Amino acid sequence: QSMDSTLHYIHNDSDLSTNSSFSPEEERKSKVQDVVPQALLDQYLSMTDPSRAQTVDTEIAKHCAYSLPGVALTLGRQNWHCLKDTYETLASDMQWKVRRTLAFSIHELAVILGDQLTAGDLVPVFNGFLKDLDEVRIGVLKHLHDFLKLLHVDKRREYLYQLQEFLVTDNSRNWRFRAELAEQLILLLELYGARDIFDYLRPIAFTLCADKVSSVRWISYKLVSEMVKKLYMASTPTLAVDLMNELVEKFCRCHKWSGRQAFVFICQ
């Protein structure tokens, strides 16, 4: 009966997860759930203790990070309050491998948690990963479309200003990073309107079309052709005409043969 009353208290108190002035007893109650044996969850949560990671196993935090989406799926979004603190602890772990693991799975966690919890608890972590090392940033880049499509339209538009930052990497020879960006931009075309595509995605696409690495350029040609199609199908096809005129000016009339060749490939 005592356990039932505790669970009832947790499931129905919407302010519990936002109250930062917990007593130790309230802190313990905030981690209680009725899906799996509580001792099992307590053991999992205790593994993210930094002191344990240093004395027992340096890889333990990485394993916890890898398992976290599965734990969240098992507990359900109604029990996210049990995992929130642990997730934030792992997201700020000193080891980049731990943060990289979370970056690769944040889109999966967003599906589990739904749009409200994602906007409140995952977006700040996602924003932190965008400014992290390339080894971490590639995790969010590879699933950029999967994550952004789960956000509200207004929130999604905020990231248009940050896409340009993906062109800058710690190592300029990391061409796979730019190739992945081109792949993701193709998918992102469906999430944005014609004006946003023309103003924000078009400049990035043209930069990628002039990349030093041929693999990046090939994907970028496909990106530009899809962009033309998207703008042409829009209610104001004048943007498509402007884009095609720019293609003619920059590539078709380019004084370098490689630029003229790029124009042919885009047309193809």
Foldseek 3Di string as FASTA:
>chain_A
DVLVVLQVVQLPDPCLLVDPPDDPVSVVSLQDADQDPSVVLVVLLVQLPVVCCVPPPVCSLQVSLLCVLVVCLSRALSSCSNCLVVVVSQLPDPDVSSVLSNLLCLLVSCVRNAAPCCVVRVVVSNVVQCPDAPSNNLSCLLCVLSRLVRYDLVVSLVCLVVLVVQCDHPDNPPVVSLLSSLVVLLSCLVSDALVSCLPRVVVSLVVQCPDPDVSSNLSSLVSLLSNLVRCCPDPDVVSSVVSVVVLCVQQCPDPDVSSVVSSVSSVD
